[in-house]
N, C-alpha and C. Protein backbone atom coordinates (compact mmCIF):
# COMPACT_ATOMS: atom_id res chain seq x y z
N MET A 1 134.44 387.25 104.36
CA MET A 1 133.47 386.24 104.75
C MET A 1 133.63 385.03 103.83
N THR A 2 133.82 383.89 104.39
CA THR A 2 133.99 382.69 103.58
C THR A 2 132.66 382.22 103.04
N GLY A 3 132.67 381.58 101.87
CA GLY A 3 131.46 381.05 101.28
C GLY A 3 131.06 379.74 101.91
N PRO A 4 129.92 379.20 101.48
CA PRO A 4 129.45 377.93 102.04
C PRO A 4 130.48 376.83 101.82
N ALA A 5 130.71 376.04 102.84
CA ALA A 5 131.68 374.94 102.73
C ALA A 5 131.06 373.77 101.99
N GLU A 6 131.87 373.07 101.21
CA GLU A 6 131.43 371.89 100.49
C GLU A 6 131.66 370.67 101.37
N PHE A 7 130.59 370.08 101.88
CA PHE A 7 130.70 368.91 102.74
C PHE A 7 130.58 367.65 101.88
N PRO A 8 131.63 366.82 101.83
CA PRO A 8 131.58 365.60 101.02
C PRO A 8 130.64 364.57 101.63
N ARG A 9 129.94 363.84 100.78
CA ARG A 9 129.04 362.79 101.25
C ARG A 9 129.85 361.62 101.80
N LEU A 10 129.33 361.00 102.85
CA LEU A 10 130.01 359.90 103.50
C LEU A 10 129.28 358.59 103.24
N ARG A 11 130.04 357.49 103.29
CA ARG A 11 129.42 356.17 103.19
C ARG A 11 128.56 355.95 104.41
N ARG A 12 127.39 355.33 104.24
CA ARG A 12 126.48 355.12 105.35
C ARG A 12 127.10 354.27 106.45
N SER A 13 128.01 353.38 106.07
CA SER A 13 128.63 352.52 107.07
C SER A 13 129.57 353.29 108.00
N SER A 14 129.96 354.50 107.58
CA SER A 14 130.92 355.27 108.37
C SER A 14 130.30 355.85 109.62
N ALA A 15 129.06 356.28 109.53
CA ALA A 15 128.30 356.82 110.66
C ALA A 15 128.97 358.03 111.30
N ALA A 16 128.73 358.18 112.62
CA ALA A 16 129.11 359.42 113.30
C ALA A 16 130.61 359.63 113.37
N ALA A 17 131.41 358.56 113.52
CA ALA A 17 132.86 358.72 113.66
C ALA A 17 133.46 359.37 112.42
N ASP A 18 133.07 358.93 111.24
CA ASP A 18 133.60 359.53 110.01
C ASP A 18 133.09 360.95 109.82
N ALA A 19 131.85 361.19 110.21
CA ALA A 19 131.32 362.55 110.08
C ALA A 19 132.10 363.50 110.97
N ALA A 20 132.39 363.08 112.20
CA ALA A 20 133.17 363.93 113.11
C ALA A 20 134.57 364.15 112.56
N ARG A 21 135.18 363.09 112.02
CA ARG A 21 136.52 363.23 111.47
C ARG A 21 136.51 364.19 110.28
N GLN A 22 135.48 364.10 109.43
CA GLN A 22 135.42 364.97 108.26
C GLN A 22 135.30 366.43 108.67
N ILE A 23 134.48 366.71 109.66
CA ILE A 23 134.33 368.09 110.12
C ILE A 23 135.63 368.60 110.72
N ARG A 24 136.31 367.75 111.51
CA ARG A 24 137.61 368.16 112.07
C ARG A 24 138.61 368.47 110.97
N GLU A 25 138.65 367.64 109.93
CA GLU A 25 139.58 367.86 108.82
C GLU A 25 139.27 369.17 108.11
N MET A 26 137.99 369.50 107.97
CA MET A 26 137.60 370.75 107.31
C MET A 26 138.01 371.96 108.13
N ILE A 27 138.03 371.80 109.45
CA ILE A 27 138.49 372.89 110.31
C ILE A 27 140.00 373.05 110.18
N VAL A 28 140.71 371.91 110.20
CA VAL A 28 142.18 371.95 110.12
C VAL A 28 142.65 372.58 108.81
N ASP A 29 142.00 372.22 107.69
CA ASP A 29 142.48 372.75 106.41
C ASP A 29 141.86 374.09 106.03
N GLY A 30 141.03 374.66 106.93
CA GLY A 30 140.55 376.01 106.72
C GLY A 30 139.24 376.14 105.98
N ARG A 31 138.62 375.02 105.59
CA ARG A 31 137.33 375.11 104.92
C ARG A 31 136.23 375.55 105.89
N LEU A 32 136.44 375.26 107.17
CA LEU A 32 135.57 375.79 108.23
C LEU A 32 136.46 376.61 109.16
N THR A 33 135.99 377.77 109.56
CA THR A 33 136.81 378.67 110.36
C THR A 33 136.15 378.97 111.70
N PRO A 34 136.93 379.34 112.73
CA PRO A 34 136.36 379.66 114.04
C PRO A 34 135.25 380.69 113.94
N GLY A 35 134.12 380.40 114.59
CA GLY A 35 132.98 381.29 114.57
C GLY A 35 132.00 381.04 113.44
N GLN A 36 132.38 380.22 112.46
CA GLN A 36 131.50 379.97 111.32
C GLN A 36 130.33 379.10 111.70
N ARG A 37 129.15 379.44 111.21
CA ARG A 37 127.94 378.67 111.49
C ARG A 37 127.83 377.50 110.51
N LEU A 38 127.52 376.32 111.03
CA LEU A 38 127.31 375.16 110.17
C LEU A 38 125.93 375.24 109.53
N PRO A 39 125.73 374.59 108.39
CA PRO A 39 124.40 374.56 107.78
C PRO A 39 123.36 373.97 108.74
N ALA A 40 122.09 374.24 108.47
CA ALA A 40 121.02 373.69 109.29
C ALA A 40 121.06 372.16 109.27
N GLU A 41 120.49 371.55 110.28
CA GLU A 41 120.58 370.09 110.47
C GLU A 41 120.16 369.32 109.23
N ARG A 42 118.98 369.64 108.67
CA ARG A 42 118.50 368.90 107.50
C ARG A 42 119.47 369.03 106.33
N GLU A 43 119.93 370.24 106.08
CA GLU A 43 120.84 370.48 104.96
C GLU A 43 122.17 369.77 105.17
N LEU A 44 122.72 369.87 106.40
CA LEU A 44 124.03 369.28 106.67
C LEU A 44 123.96 367.75 106.61
N SER A 45 122.89 367.15 107.11
CA SER A 45 122.77 365.70 107.03
C SER A 45 122.69 365.23 105.59
N GLU A 46 122.01 366.00 104.74
CA GLU A 46 121.94 365.65 103.32
C GLU A 46 123.30 365.81 102.65
N MET A 47 124.02 366.87 103.00
CA MET A 47 125.33 367.12 102.41
C MET A 47 126.32 366.01 102.76
N LEU A 48 126.25 365.52 104.00
CA LEU A 48 127.16 364.47 104.44
C LEU A 48 126.65 363.08 104.08
N GLY A 49 125.37 362.98 103.73
CA GLY A 49 124.82 361.68 103.38
C GLY A 49 124.58 360.79 104.57
N ILE A 50 124.27 361.39 105.72
CA ILE A 50 123.99 360.61 106.93
C ILE A 50 122.63 361.02 107.47
N SER A 51 122.09 360.21 108.36
CA SER A 51 120.79 360.50 108.94
C SER A 51 120.89 361.65 109.94
N ARG A 52 119.77 362.27 110.22
CA ARG A 52 119.77 363.37 111.19
C ARG A 52 120.12 362.88 112.61
N PRO A 53 119.63 361.69 113.05
CA PRO A 53 120.09 361.21 114.35
C PRO A 53 121.61 360.99 114.41
N THR A 54 122.19 360.49 113.31
CA THR A 54 123.64 360.31 113.27
C THR A 54 124.34 361.66 113.32
N LEU A 55 123.79 362.64 112.62
CA LEU A 55 124.38 363.98 112.65
C LEU A 55 124.32 364.56 114.06
N ARG A 56 123.21 364.35 114.76
CA ARG A 56 123.09 364.87 116.13
C ARG A 56 124.14 364.24 117.03
N GLU A 57 124.39 362.93 116.84
CA GLU A 57 125.43 362.25 117.61
C GLU A 57 126.80 362.84 117.31
N THR A 58 127.04 363.12 116.04
CA THR A 58 128.30 363.74 115.62
C THR A 58 128.49 365.10 116.28
N ILE A 59 127.43 365.92 116.22
CA ILE A 59 127.51 367.26 116.80
C ILE A 59 127.77 367.19 118.29
N ARG A 60 127.07 366.28 118.98
CA ARG A 60 127.26 366.15 120.42
C ARG A 60 128.71 365.79 120.76
N SER A 61 129.30 364.88 119.98
CA SER A 61 130.67 364.47 120.27
C SER A 61 131.64 365.62 120.07
N LEU A 62 131.43 366.42 119.03
CA LEU A 62 132.33 367.54 118.75
C LEU A 62 132.12 368.69 119.74
N VAL A 63 130.90 368.86 120.21
CA VAL A 63 130.64 369.87 121.25
C VAL A 63 131.33 369.46 122.54
N SER A 64 131.30 368.15 122.87
CA SER A 64 131.93 367.68 124.10
C SER A 64 133.44 367.88 124.07
N MET A 65 134.03 367.94 122.87
CA MET A 65 135.46 368.16 122.72
C MET A 65 135.80 369.64 122.53
N ASN A 66 134.79 370.52 122.65
CA ASN A 66 134.97 371.97 122.50
C ASN A 66 135.38 372.37 121.09
N ILE A 67 135.10 371.52 120.12
CA ILE A 67 135.41 371.85 118.73
C ILE A 67 134.25 372.62 118.10
N LEU A 68 133.02 372.28 118.49
CA LEU A 68 131.83 373.00 118.05
C LEU A 68 131.12 373.58 119.26
N ARG A 69 130.31 374.62 119.01
CA ARG A 69 129.47 375.23 120.04
C ARG A 69 128.03 375.24 119.52
N SER A 70 127.09 374.78 120.34
CA SER A 70 125.68 374.86 119.98
C SER A 70 125.03 375.99 120.74
N ARG A 71 124.32 376.85 120.04
CA ARG A 71 123.62 377.96 120.66
C ARG A 71 122.13 377.78 120.41
N HIS A 72 121.37 377.66 121.47
CA HIS A 72 119.94 377.41 121.35
C HIS A 72 119.28 378.50 120.52
N GLY A 73 118.60 378.07 119.49
CA GLY A 73 117.89 379.01 118.63
C GLY A 73 118.76 379.67 117.58
N ALA A 74 120.07 379.48 117.65
CA ALA A 74 120.97 380.14 116.69
C ALA A 74 121.67 379.14 115.78
N GLY A 75 121.91 377.93 116.26
CA GLY A 75 122.57 376.93 115.42
C GLY A 75 123.85 376.41 116.05
N THR A 76 124.65 375.77 115.21
CA THR A 76 125.92 375.18 115.64
C THR A 76 127.07 375.90 114.95
N PHE A 77 128.09 376.25 115.73
CA PHE A 77 129.20 377.05 115.23
C PHE A 77 130.53 376.37 115.53
N VAL A 78 131.53 376.67 114.69
CA VAL A 78 132.89 376.23 114.98
C VAL A 78 133.39 377.05 116.17
N ALA A 79 133.95 376.38 117.17
CA ALA A 79 134.44 377.07 118.37
C ALA A 79 135.67 377.90 118.05
N GLU A 80 136.05 378.76 118.98
CA GLU A 80 137.22 379.61 118.77
C GLU A 80 138.52 378.83 118.77
N LEU A 81 138.52 377.65 119.39
CA LEU A 81 139.66 376.71 119.31
C LEU A 81 140.93 377.25 119.94
N ASP A 82 140.82 378.05 121.02
CA ASP A 82 142.03 378.44 121.74
C ASP A 82 142.54 377.26 122.55
N THR A 83 143.80 377.29 122.88
CA THR A 83 144.45 376.15 123.52
C THR A 83 143.79 375.76 124.83
N ALA A 84 143.50 376.74 125.69
CA ALA A 84 142.93 376.41 126.99
C ALA A 84 141.58 375.71 126.86
N THR A 85 140.77 376.20 125.92
CA THR A 85 139.46 375.59 125.73
C THR A 85 139.56 374.17 125.22
N LEU A 86 140.47 373.94 124.29
CA LEU A 86 140.63 372.60 123.74
C LEU A 86 141.10 371.60 124.79
N LEU A 87 141.82 372.08 125.80
CA LEU A 87 142.32 371.17 126.82
C LEU A 87 141.36 370.96 127.97
N GLU A 88 140.23 371.65 127.98
CA GLU A 88 139.26 371.47 129.06
C GLU A 88 138.79 370.01 129.18
N PRO A 89 138.49 369.32 128.07
CA PRO A 89 138.08 367.92 128.23
C PRO A 89 139.16 367.06 128.87
N LEU A 90 140.44 367.36 128.62
CA LEU A 90 141.51 366.60 129.25
C LEU A 90 141.44 366.73 130.76
N GLY A 91 141.23 367.95 131.25
CA GLY A 91 141.11 368.15 132.68
C GLY A 91 139.92 367.42 133.25
N PHE A 92 138.82 367.38 132.48
CA PHE A 92 137.62 366.67 132.93
C PHE A 92 137.88 365.18 133.05
N VAL A 93 138.54 364.62 132.04
CA VAL A 93 138.85 363.18 132.08
C VAL A 93 139.77 362.86 133.24
N LEU A 94 140.78 363.70 133.45
CA LEU A 94 141.71 363.44 134.55
C LEU A 94 141.01 363.55 135.90
N ALA A 95 140.05 364.48 136.00
CA ALA A 95 139.34 364.63 137.26
C ALA A 95 138.46 363.42 137.55
N LEU A 96 137.89 362.84 136.49
CA LEU A 96 137.04 361.67 136.67
C LEU A 96 137.85 360.41 136.92
N ASN A 97 139.09 360.40 136.47
CA ASN A 97 139.96 359.24 136.64
C ASN A 97 141.25 359.69 137.32
N PRO A 98 141.22 359.89 138.63
CA PRO A 98 142.38 360.44 139.34
C PRO A 98 143.64 359.61 139.12
N ARG A 99 144.71 360.30 138.80
CA ARG A 99 146.00 359.64 138.62
C ARG A 99 146.67 359.44 139.96
N THR A 100 147.49 358.48 140.05
CA THR A 100 148.26 358.31 141.28
C THR A 100 149.29 359.42 141.37
N VAL A 101 149.80 359.63 142.58
CA VAL A 101 150.85 360.63 142.78
C VAL A 101 152.05 360.32 141.89
N GLU A 102 152.37 359.04 141.77
CA GLU A 102 153.51 358.65 140.94
C GLU A 102 153.29 359.04 139.49
N GLU A 103 152.08 358.84 138.97
CA GLU A 103 151.80 359.18 137.57
C GLU A 103 151.82 360.69 137.35
N LEU A 104 151.31 361.42 138.34
CA LEU A 104 151.31 362.88 138.22
C LEU A 104 152.73 363.42 138.11
N PHE A 105 153.61 362.95 138.99
CA PHE A 105 154.99 363.45 138.95
C PHE A 105 155.74 362.92 137.73
N GLU A 106 155.37 361.74 137.26
CA GLU A 106 155.99 361.24 136.03
C GLU A 106 155.67 362.18 134.88
N ALA A 107 154.43 362.64 134.81
CA ALA A 107 154.04 363.59 133.76
C ALA A 107 154.78 364.91 133.93
N ARG A 108 154.87 365.39 135.16
CA ARG A 108 155.57 366.66 135.39
C ARG A 108 157.06 366.53 135.04
N LEU A 109 157.65 365.39 135.34
CA LEU A 109 159.07 365.20 135.03
C LEU A 109 159.33 365.15 133.54
N LEU A 110 158.37 364.72 132.77
CA LEU A 110 158.51 364.73 131.32
C LEU A 110 158.38 366.15 130.76
N LEU A 111 157.54 366.96 131.41
CA LEU A 111 157.19 368.27 130.85
C LEU A 111 158.03 369.42 131.41
N GLU A 112 158.15 369.52 132.73
CA GLU A 112 158.69 370.74 133.33
C GLU A 112 160.19 370.95 133.14
N PRO A 113 161.04 369.91 133.17
CA PRO A 113 162.44 370.18 132.86
C PRO A 113 162.64 370.75 131.46
N ALA A 114 161.84 370.26 130.50
CA ALA A 114 161.93 370.80 129.14
C ALA A 114 161.48 372.26 129.11
N LEU A 115 160.43 372.59 129.86
CA LEU A 115 159.98 373.98 129.94
C LEU A 115 161.05 374.87 130.57
N ALA A 116 161.72 374.37 131.60
CA ALA A 116 162.78 375.16 132.24
C ALA A 116 163.92 375.43 131.27
N ALA A 117 164.26 374.43 130.46
CA ALA A 117 165.33 374.61 129.47
C ALA A 117 164.93 375.66 128.43
N LEU A 118 163.68 375.60 127.97
CA LEU A 118 163.20 376.60 127.01
C LEU A 118 163.17 377.99 127.64
N ALA A 119 162.79 378.06 128.91
CA ALA A 119 162.76 379.35 129.60
C ALA A 119 164.15 379.96 129.67
N ALA A 120 165.16 379.11 129.89
CA ALA A 120 166.54 379.61 129.95
C ALA A 120 166.95 380.21 128.61
N GLU A 121 166.40 379.69 127.54
CA GLU A 121 166.74 380.20 126.20
C GLU A 121 165.93 381.45 125.83
N ARG A 122 164.74 381.61 126.42
CA ARG A 122 163.81 382.61 125.91
C ARG A 122 163.39 383.69 126.91
N ALA A 123 163.60 383.48 128.19
CA ALA A 123 163.10 384.42 129.20
C ALA A 123 163.81 385.76 129.11
N ASP A 124 163.04 386.84 129.17
CA ASP A 124 163.65 388.17 129.21
C ASP A 124 163.82 388.60 130.67
N ALA A 125 164.41 389.77 130.88
CA ALA A 125 164.71 390.25 132.23
C ALA A 125 163.43 390.44 133.05
N GLU A 126 162.37 390.88 132.41
CA GLU A 126 161.11 391.10 133.12
C GLU A 126 160.54 389.79 133.66
N ARG A 127 160.62 388.75 132.87
CA ARG A 127 160.10 387.45 133.33
C ARG A 127 160.97 386.88 134.45
N VAL A 128 162.27 387.05 134.33
CA VAL A 128 163.15 386.58 135.41
C VAL A 128 162.86 387.33 136.70
N ALA A 129 162.61 388.64 136.59
CA ALA A 129 162.29 389.43 137.78
C ALA A 129 161.00 388.93 138.43
N ALA A 130 160.03 388.54 137.61
CA ALA A 130 158.77 388.02 138.15
C ALA A 130 159.00 386.70 138.88
N MET A 131 159.90 385.88 138.35
CA MET A 131 160.25 384.63 139.04
C MET A 131 160.91 384.93 140.38
N ARG A 132 161.81 385.90 140.39
CA ARG A 132 162.48 386.27 141.65
C ARG A 132 161.45 386.74 142.68
N ALA A 133 160.48 387.51 142.23
CA ALA A 133 159.44 388.00 143.14
C ALA A 133 158.62 386.84 143.71
N ALA A 134 158.35 385.84 142.87
CA ALA A 134 157.57 384.69 143.33
C ALA A 134 158.30 383.91 144.41
N LEU A 135 159.64 383.93 144.36
CA LEU A 135 160.42 383.17 145.35
C LEU A 135 160.18 383.65 146.77
N SER A 136 159.79 384.91 146.91
CA SER A 136 159.63 385.48 148.26
C SER A 136 158.18 385.69 148.64
N GLY A 137 157.27 385.04 147.93
CA GLY A 137 155.85 385.18 148.25
C GLY A 137 155.53 384.66 149.64
N PRO A 138 154.59 385.29 150.36
CA PRO A 138 154.29 384.90 151.74
C PRO A 138 153.61 383.54 151.85
N ASP A 139 152.76 383.20 150.88
CA ASP A 139 152.09 381.90 150.87
C ASP A 139 152.95 380.94 150.07
N ARG A 140 153.64 380.03 150.75
CA ARG A 140 154.64 379.22 150.08
C ARG A 140 154.02 378.25 149.07
N VAL A 141 152.83 377.71 149.35
CA VAL A 141 152.19 376.81 148.39
C VAL A 141 151.81 377.60 147.13
N ALA A 142 151.22 378.79 147.32
CA ALA A 142 150.86 379.64 146.17
C ALA A 142 152.10 380.08 145.42
N ALA A 143 153.18 380.39 146.16
CA ALA A 143 154.42 380.82 145.52
C ALA A 143 155.02 379.68 144.70
N ASP A 144 154.93 378.47 145.22
CA ASP A 144 155.41 377.29 144.49
C ASP A 144 154.69 377.17 143.16
N GLU A 145 153.38 377.24 143.19
CA GLU A 145 152.60 377.12 141.96
C GLU A 145 152.90 378.27 141.01
N ALA A 146 153.03 379.48 141.56
CA ALA A 146 153.31 380.65 140.72
C ALA A 146 154.65 380.52 140.01
N LEU A 147 155.67 380.05 140.72
CA LEU A 147 157.01 379.93 140.13
C LEU A 147 156.98 378.96 138.96
N HIS A 148 156.36 377.82 139.15
CA HIS A 148 156.30 376.84 138.07
C HIS A 148 155.50 377.37 136.88
N ARG A 149 154.45 378.13 137.16
CA ARG A 149 153.66 378.74 136.07
C ARG A 149 154.49 379.76 135.32
N LEU A 150 155.24 380.59 136.04
CA LEU A 150 156.05 381.62 135.39
C LEU A 150 157.15 381.01 134.52
N VAL A 151 157.73 379.92 134.98
CA VAL A 151 158.74 379.22 134.17
C VAL A 151 158.10 378.72 132.89
N ALA A 152 156.91 378.14 133.01
CA ALA A 152 156.23 377.62 131.82
C ALA A 152 155.89 378.74 130.85
N GLU A 153 155.42 379.86 131.36
CA GLU A 153 155.08 380.99 130.49
C GLU A 153 156.33 381.53 129.80
N ALA A 154 157.44 381.55 130.53
CA ALA A 154 158.69 382.06 129.95
C ALA A 154 159.21 381.17 128.84
N ALA A 155 158.77 379.91 128.83
CA ALA A 155 159.20 378.99 127.77
C ALA A 155 158.66 379.39 126.42
N GLY A 156 157.58 380.18 126.41
CA GLY A 156 157.06 380.71 125.15
C GLY A 156 156.29 379.74 124.30
N ASN A 157 155.72 378.69 124.92
CA ASN A 157 154.92 377.72 124.17
C ASN A 157 153.57 377.61 124.87
N ALA A 158 152.53 378.21 124.28
CA ALA A 158 151.22 378.29 124.93
C ALA A 158 150.62 376.91 125.18
N LEU A 159 150.82 375.99 124.25
CA LEU A 159 150.25 374.65 124.43
C LEU A 159 150.88 373.94 125.62
N LEU A 160 152.21 373.97 125.70
CA LEU A 160 152.89 373.31 126.82
C LEU A 160 152.54 373.98 128.14
N ALA A 161 152.44 375.30 128.15
CA ALA A 161 152.10 376.01 129.38
C ALA A 161 150.70 375.64 129.85
N THR A 162 149.77 375.48 128.92
CA THR A 162 148.41 375.12 129.30
C THR A 162 148.34 373.67 129.77
N MET A 163 149.14 372.80 129.17
CA MET A 163 149.21 371.43 129.66
C MET A 163 149.69 371.40 131.11
N LEU A 164 150.69 372.23 131.41
CA LEU A 164 151.17 372.29 132.78
C LEU A 164 150.11 372.85 133.71
N GLN A 165 149.34 373.82 133.22
CA GLN A 165 148.27 374.40 134.03
C GLN A 165 147.26 373.32 134.41
N THR A 166 146.95 372.42 133.49
CA THR A 166 146.05 371.31 133.78
C THR A 166 146.64 370.42 134.86
N LEU A 167 147.93 370.10 134.74
CA LEU A 167 148.57 369.27 135.76
C LEU A 167 148.64 369.98 137.10
N SER A 168 148.85 371.30 137.09
CA SER A 168 148.94 372.06 138.33
C SER A 168 147.63 372.02 139.09
N GLY A 169 146.52 372.09 138.35
CA GLY A 169 145.23 371.99 139.01
C GLY A 169 145.07 370.66 139.73
N LEU A 170 145.56 369.59 139.12
CA LEU A 170 145.48 368.28 139.74
C LEU A 170 146.48 368.12 140.87
N GLY A 171 147.57 368.92 140.82
CA GLY A 171 148.64 368.75 141.79
C GLY A 171 148.55 369.62 143.03
N ARG A 172 147.49 370.42 143.15
CA ARG A 172 147.40 371.31 144.32
C ARG A 172 147.36 370.52 145.63
N ALA A 173 146.64 369.39 145.61
CA ALA A 173 146.56 368.59 146.83
C ALA A 173 147.93 368.03 147.19
N SER A 174 148.71 367.59 146.20
CA SER A 174 150.03 367.05 146.50
C SER A 174 150.96 368.14 147.00
N ARG A 175 150.81 369.37 146.49
CA ARG A 175 151.63 370.48 147.00
C ARG A 175 151.33 370.74 148.47
N ALA A 176 150.03 370.77 148.81
CA ALA A 176 149.67 371.00 150.20
C ALA A 176 150.19 369.88 151.09
N LEU A 177 150.18 368.67 150.57
CA LEU A 177 150.65 367.51 151.33
C LEU A 177 152.14 367.60 151.61
N THR A 178 152.94 367.85 150.58
CA THR A 178 154.39 367.84 150.75
C THR A 178 154.89 369.06 151.52
N SER A 179 154.22 370.20 151.34
CA SER A 179 154.70 371.43 151.99
C SER A 179 154.54 371.38 153.50
N SER A 180 153.71 370.48 153.99
CA SER A 180 153.48 370.41 155.43
C SER A 180 154.56 369.63 156.17
N ARG A 181 155.45 368.97 155.45
CA ARG A 181 156.47 368.16 156.10
C ARG A 181 157.67 369.01 156.51
N PRO A 182 158.31 368.67 157.64
CA PRO A 182 159.44 369.46 158.14
C PRO A 182 160.58 369.56 157.13
N GLY A 183 161.06 370.77 156.92
CA GLY A 183 162.22 370.99 156.06
C GLY A 183 161.92 371.06 154.58
N VAL A 184 160.71 370.70 154.17
CA VAL A 184 160.40 370.67 152.74
C VAL A 184 160.40 372.07 152.14
N LEU A 185 159.78 373.02 152.83
CA LEU A 185 159.70 374.37 152.28
C LEU A 185 161.09 375.00 152.11
N ARG A 186 161.96 374.76 153.09
CA ARG A 186 163.32 375.32 153.00
C ARG A 186 164.07 374.73 151.81
N ARG A 187 164.00 373.41 151.65
CA ARG A 187 164.66 372.76 150.52
C ARG A 187 164.06 373.23 149.21
N THR A 188 162.74 373.35 149.17
CA THR A 188 162.07 373.78 147.95
C THR A 188 162.49 375.18 147.56
N ALA A 189 162.60 376.07 148.54
CA ALA A 189 163.02 377.44 148.25
C ALA A 189 164.41 377.47 147.63
N ALA A 190 165.32 376.66 148.18
CA ALA A 190 166.68 376.61 147.64
C ALA A 190 166.68 376.05 146.22
N GLU A 191 165.88 375.03 145.98
CA GLU A 191 165.82 374.43 144.63
C GLU A 191 165.18 375.37 143.63
N HIS A 192 164.16 376.08 144.06
CA HIS A 192 163.54 377.07 143.17
C HIS A 192 164.55 378.16 142.79
N ALA A 193 165.32 378.60 143.77
CA ALA A 193 166.33 379.62 143.50
C ALA A 193 167.36 379.12 142.49
N ALA A 194 167.73 377.84 142.60
CA ALA A 194 168.70 377.28 141.66
C ALA A 194 168.12 377.24 140.24
N ILE A 195 166.84 376.95 140.13
CA ILE A 195 166.19 376.93 138.82
C ILE A 195 166.22 378.32 138.20
N VAL A 196 165.84 379.33 139.00
CA VAL A 196 165.80 380.71 138.48
C VAL A 196 167.21 381.20 138.15
N ASP A 197 168.18 380.84 138.97
CA ASP A 197 169.57 381.23 138.69
C ASP A 197 170.01 380.69 137.33
N ALA A 198 169.70 379.43 137.05
CA ALA A 198 170.10 378.82 135.78
C ALA A 198 169.40 379.49 134.61
N ILE A 199 168.11 379.82 134.80
CA ILE A 199 167.37 380.51 133.73
C ILE A 199 167.98 381.88 133.47
N GLU A 200 168.32 382.59 134.56
CA GLU A 200 168.90 383.93 134.40
C GLU A 200 170.25 383.86 133.69
N ARG A 201 171.01 382.80 133.95
CA ARG A 201 172.30 382.63 133.27
C ARG A 201 172.15 382.14 131.83
N ARG A 202 170.92 381.83 131.44
CA ARG A 202 170.62 381.25 130.13
C ARG A 202 171.34 379.91 129.94
N ASP A 203 171.41 379.16 131.03
CA ASP A 203 172.05 377.84 131.02
C ASP A 203 170.94 376.78 130.95
N ALA A 204 170.55 376.42 129.74
CA ALA A 204 169.43 375.51 129.54
C ALA A 204 169.67 374.13 130.17
N PRO A 205 170.83 373.49 129.98
CA PRO A 205 171.04 372.18 130.62
C PRO A 205 170.94 372.25 132.15
N ALA A 206 171.50 373.30 132.74
CA ALA A 206 171.44 373.44 134.20
C ALA A 206 170.01 373.66 134.66
N ALA A 207 169.24 374.45 133.92
CA ALA A 207 167.85 374.70 134.28
C ALA A 207 167.04 373.41 134.20
N ARG A 208 167.30 372.64 133.16
CA ARG A 208 166.62 371.36 133.00
C ARG A 208 166.92 370.43 134.18
N GLU A 209 168.19 370.32 134.54
CA GLU A 209 168.58 369.41 135.63
C GLU A 209 168.10 369.91 136.98
N ALA A 210 168.14 371.22 137.20
CA ALA A 210 167.67 371.77 138.47
C ALA A 210 166.18 371.49 138.67
N MET A 211 165.41 371.65 137.61
CA MET A 211 163.98 371.37 137.70
C MET A 211 163.73 369.88 137.93
N ALA A 212 164.47 369.04 137.20
CA ALA A 212 164.28 367.60 137.35
C ALA A 212 164.65 367.14 138.75
N ALA A 213 165.74 367.65 139.30
CA ALA A 213 166.16 367.27 140.65
C ALA A 213 165.11 367.69 141.68
N HIS A 214 164.59 368.88 141.51
CA HIS A 214 163.54 369.37 142.42
C HIS A 214 162.31 368.46 142.37
N LEU A 215 161.85 368.14 141.19
CA LEU A 215 160.65 367.31 141.06
C LEU A 215 160.87 365.89 141.57
N ARG A 216 162.07 365.35 141.34
CA ARG A 216 162.35 364.00 141.84
C ARG A 216 162.28 363.96 143.36
N ARG A 217 162.84 364.99 144.02
CA ARG A 217 162.81 365.00 145.47
C ARG A 217 161.39 365.14 145.99
N ILE A 218 160.62 366.08 145.41
CA ILE A 218 159.25 366.30 145.86
C ILE A 218 158.40 365.06 145.60
N ALA A 219 158.65 364.39 144.47
CA ALA A 219 157.90 363.16 144.17
C ALA A 219 158.15 362.10 145.23
N ALA A 220 159.40 361.99 145.68
CA ALA A 220 159.74 361.01 146.71
C ALA A 220 159.02 361.33 148.02
N VAL A 221 158.96 362.62 148.37
CA VAL A 221 158.26 363.02 149.60
C VAL A 221 156.77 362.71 149.48
N ALA A 222 156.18 363.08 148.34
CA ALA A 222 154.75 362.85 148.14
C ALA A 222 154.42 361.36 148.18
N LYS A 223 155.29 360.55 147.60
CA LYS A 223 155.06 359.11 147.60
C LYS A 223 155.09 358.55 149.02
N ARG A 224 156.04 359.02 149.82
CA ARG A 224 156.13 358.55 151.22
C ARG A 224 154.90 358.96 152.02
N GLU A 225 154.47 360.22 151.82
CA GLU A 225 153.32 360.72 152.58
C GLU A 225 152.04 359.99 152.18
N THR A 226 151.91 359.71 150.89
CA THR A 226 150.72 358.99 150.42
C THR A 226 150.70 357.57 150.96
N ALA A 227 151.87 356.92 150.94
CA ALA A 227 151.95 355.56 151.46
C ALA A 227 151.64 355.50 152.94
N ALA A 228 151.97 356.60 153.65
CA ALA A 228 151.71 356.64 155.09
C ALA A 228 150.25 357.01 155.39
N GLY A 229 149.50 357.31 154.34
CA GLY A 229 148.08 357.61 154.52
C GLY A 229 147.79 358.98 155.09
N ARG A 230 148.71 359.92 154.94
CA ARG A 230 148.50 361.27 155.47
C ARG A 230 147.63 362.09 154.53
């Protein structure tokens, strides 16, 4: 059990932004740990040298970022800080400010080819088998999403995989849009197979290029369909 954390006093001119930054720094360097309860409001405001209203503003901002958790009647605690939870505000912001189809695919093109290359270096036989199984799924839109998720998981980087999961949630509508066009599903199936083949061969450059080529083609289809107002 860790002892009470030493909260440095802040200049009054710093207000809530500096208080939030100080608490984040204390979490990063281990002075505050996941699940730890913060001192009571009066005590913490005195320790930081800020007013209680400023402290409440600080707490609200950190709660909104999933860094702190407030429990009614129990106090304020450091959150567990798992990757998925920390990225929830990103999904919220993206949902409130919808990206264009072009921006969505631009983000995917930056992320997914790199994930495919990492998967080629790190995927074991069991993960490759799961990708093969996804290729033959009966629901082609669901299979598409599953294949991309499995590639991301095989890359072995939880943060990058969760970032892709956020993008996938935003991209479901574009998947439904593009999959309805003639010939798209057949081409997609062939491109997915090429990605998995490269991963199975442990050919990282080929996996990267296969994923990039697939996304570029789908992006072009989505752009055309969006422009046509479908």
